[in-house]
Amino acid sequence: MNELFAILIALAGGLAGGLVGVGGGVLFVPALVIFLGLSQVEGESTSLLMIVIVAIVGAYRQNSYGNVALRDAIVIGVLSPVGVVVGVAASNEVPQRVLELSFAALVLFLAYGLVRRALST
């Protein structure tokens, strides 16, 4: 049964990532935690690896349409590992409940911003 949920999570995350550029943490982490029973840290860690693969495929396809800001991508790509090192260290020190609530708050904040932006156009 876990394999079926993993397949569905992969398809949903890939579809959402391709359609709207979302999928990684926003869909993968909650799905891994809720449907596969992973801890928050395990879900975040697993999602990080999955995002690499999704990002490579998505960036390759979007680049063929001329939609990649290559300079910005390089700057973010080079600097992001610094944040990853700090984030991983912090996530291993912070209680599971705090991680779950922080992640939920972040998702709600991002959803609010997206809805507000969509309604203003």
Protein backbone atom coordinates (compact mmCIF):
# COMPACT_ATOMS: atom_id res chain seq x y z
CA MET A 1 0.00 0.00 0.00
CA ASN A 2 2.87 2.40 0.75
CA GLU A 3 4.16 1.89 -2.79
CA LEU A 4 0.80 2.93 -4.22
CA PHE A 5 0.77 6.08 -2.07
CA ALA A 6 4.36 6.83 -3.11
CA ILE A 7 3.40 6.52 -6.79
CA LEU A 8 0.38 8.80 -6.30
CA ILE A 9 2.49 11.34 -4.39
CA ALA A 10 5.09 11.33 -7.16
CA LEU A 11 2.49 11.82 -9.89
CA ALA A 12 0.62 14.56 -8.03
CA GLY A 13 3.82 16.39 -7.10
CA GLY A 14 5.21 16.14 -10.61
CA LEU A 15 1.96 17.30 -12.18
CA ALA A 16 1.64 20.25 -9.80
CA GLY A 17 5.30 21.12 -10.26
CA GLY A 18 4.93 21.13 -14.01
CA LEU A 19 1.69 23.10 -14.02
CA VAL A 20 2.33 25.77 -11.43
CA GLY A 21 5.92 25.40 -10.26
CA VAL A 22 4.86 24.01 -6.89
CA GLY A 23 5.24 20.50 -5.68
CA GLY A 24 8.39 20.06 -3.68
CA GLY A 25 7.84 21.01 -0.09
CA VAL A 26 4.28 22.19 -0.48
CA LEU A 27 2.92 18.84 -1.62
CA PHE A 28 5.62 16.27 -1.00
CA VAL A 29 6.26 16.92 2.69
CA PRO A 30 2.63 16.79 3.89
CA ALA A 31 1.91 13.80 1.65
CA LEU A 32 4.93 11.88 2.93
CA VAL A 33 4.04 12.65 6.54
CA ILE A 34 0.28 12.01 6.27
CA PHE A 35 0.10 9.12 3.80
CA LEU A 36 3.41 7.33 4.29
CA GLY A 37 3.75 7.95 8.02
CA LEU A 38 7.19 9.56 7.87
CA SER A 39 8.24 11.96 10.60
CA GLN A 40 8.42 15.65 9.71
CA VAL A 41 12.23 15.50 9.45
CA GLU A 42 12.10 12.33 7.33
CA GLY A 43 9.47 13.90 5.08
CA GLU A 44 11.51 17.07 4.65
CA SER A 45 14.69 15.11 3.98
CA THR A 46 13.04 12.79 1.47
CA SER A 47 11.37 15.74 -0.22
CA LEU A 48 14.70 17.49 -0.66
CA LEU A 49 16.06 14.60 -2.71
CA MET A 50 12.86 14.35 -4.75
CA ILE A 51 12.94 18.10 -5.44
CA VAL A 52 16.40 17.84 -7.02
CA ILE A 53 15.11 15.39 -9.61
CA VAL A 54 11.88 17.32 -10.26
CA ALA A 55 13.76 20.61 -10.50
CA ILE A 56 16.25 19.28 -13.04
CA VAL A 57 13.52 17.94 -15.30
CA GLY A 58 11.32 21.03 -14.92
CA ALA A 59 14.17 23.48 -15.47
CA TYR A 60 15.33 21.58 -18.55
CA ARG A 61 11.86 21.65 -20.10
CA GLN A 62 11.15 25.27 -19.15
CA ASN A 63 14.54 26.36 -20.48
CA SER A 64 13.56 25.03 -23.91
CA TYR A 65 10.66 27.53 -23.80
CA GLY A 66 12.97 30.36 -22.72
CA ASN A 67 11.40 30.61 -19.26
CA VAL A 68 14.53 30.20 -17.11
CA ALA A 69 16.31 33.26 -15.70
CA LEU A 70 19.68 31.54 -15.84
CA ARG A 71 21.67 34.18 -13.96
CA ASP A 72 19.17 34.22 -11.07
CA ALA A 73 19.06 30.43 -11.02
CA ILE A 74 22.85 30.22 -10.75
CA VAL A 75 23.01 32.76 -7.91
CA ILE A 76 20.25 31.00 -5.97
CA GLY A 77 21.67 27.56 -6.72
CA VAL A 78 25.12 28.51 -5.48
CA LEU A 79 23.89 30.21 -2.30
CA SER A 80 21.09 27.80 -1.34
CA PRO A 81 23.39 25.08 0.07
CA VAL A 82 24.40 27.52 2.83
CA GLY A 83 20.76 27.76 3.89
CA VAL A 84 20.39 24.00 3.61
CA VAL A 85 23.27 23.38 6.03
CA VAL A 86 21.76 25.78 8.58
CA GLY A 87 18.24 24.40 8.05
CA VAL A 88 19.30 20.78 8.46
CA ALA A 89 21.17 21.56 11.65
CA ALA A 90 18.17 23.47 13.01
CA SER A 91 15.64 20.79 12.03
CA ASN A 92 17.58 18.18 13.96
CA GLU A 93 17.51 20.34 17.10
CA VAL A 94 13.93 21.62 17.00
CA PRO A 95 11.09 19.47 18.36
CA GLN A 96 8.93 17.65 15.79
CA ARG A 97 5.79 19.56 16.81
CA VAL A 98 7.49 22.93 16.27
CA LEU A 99 8.59 21.82 12.78
CA GLU A 100 5.06 20.70 11.91
CA LEU A 101 3.46 23.93 13.10
CA SER A 102 6.15 26.06 11.43
CA PHE A 103 5.67 24.24 8.16
CA ALA A 104 1.88 24.63 8.37
CA ALA A 105 2.26 28.36 9.09
CA LEU A 106 4.60 28.76 6.11
CA VAL A 107 2.20 26.97 3.76
CA LEU A 108 -0.72 29.12 4.97
CA PHE A 109 1.32 32.29 4.52
CA LEU A 110 2.31 31.29 0.98
CA ALA A 111 -1.28 30.33 0.13
CA TYR A 112 -2.51 33.70 1.39
CA GLY A 113 0.05 35.50 -0.76
CA LEU A 114 -0.87 33.50 -3.84
CA VAL A 115 -4.61 34.08 -3.39
CA ARG A 116 -4.07 37.80 -2.78
CA ARG A 117 -1.89 38.06 -5.88
CA ALA A 118 -4.35 36.11 -8.04
CA LEU A 119 -7.27 38.27 -6.94
CA SER A 120 -5.42 41.51 -7.66
CA THR A 121 -4.79 40.69 -11.33
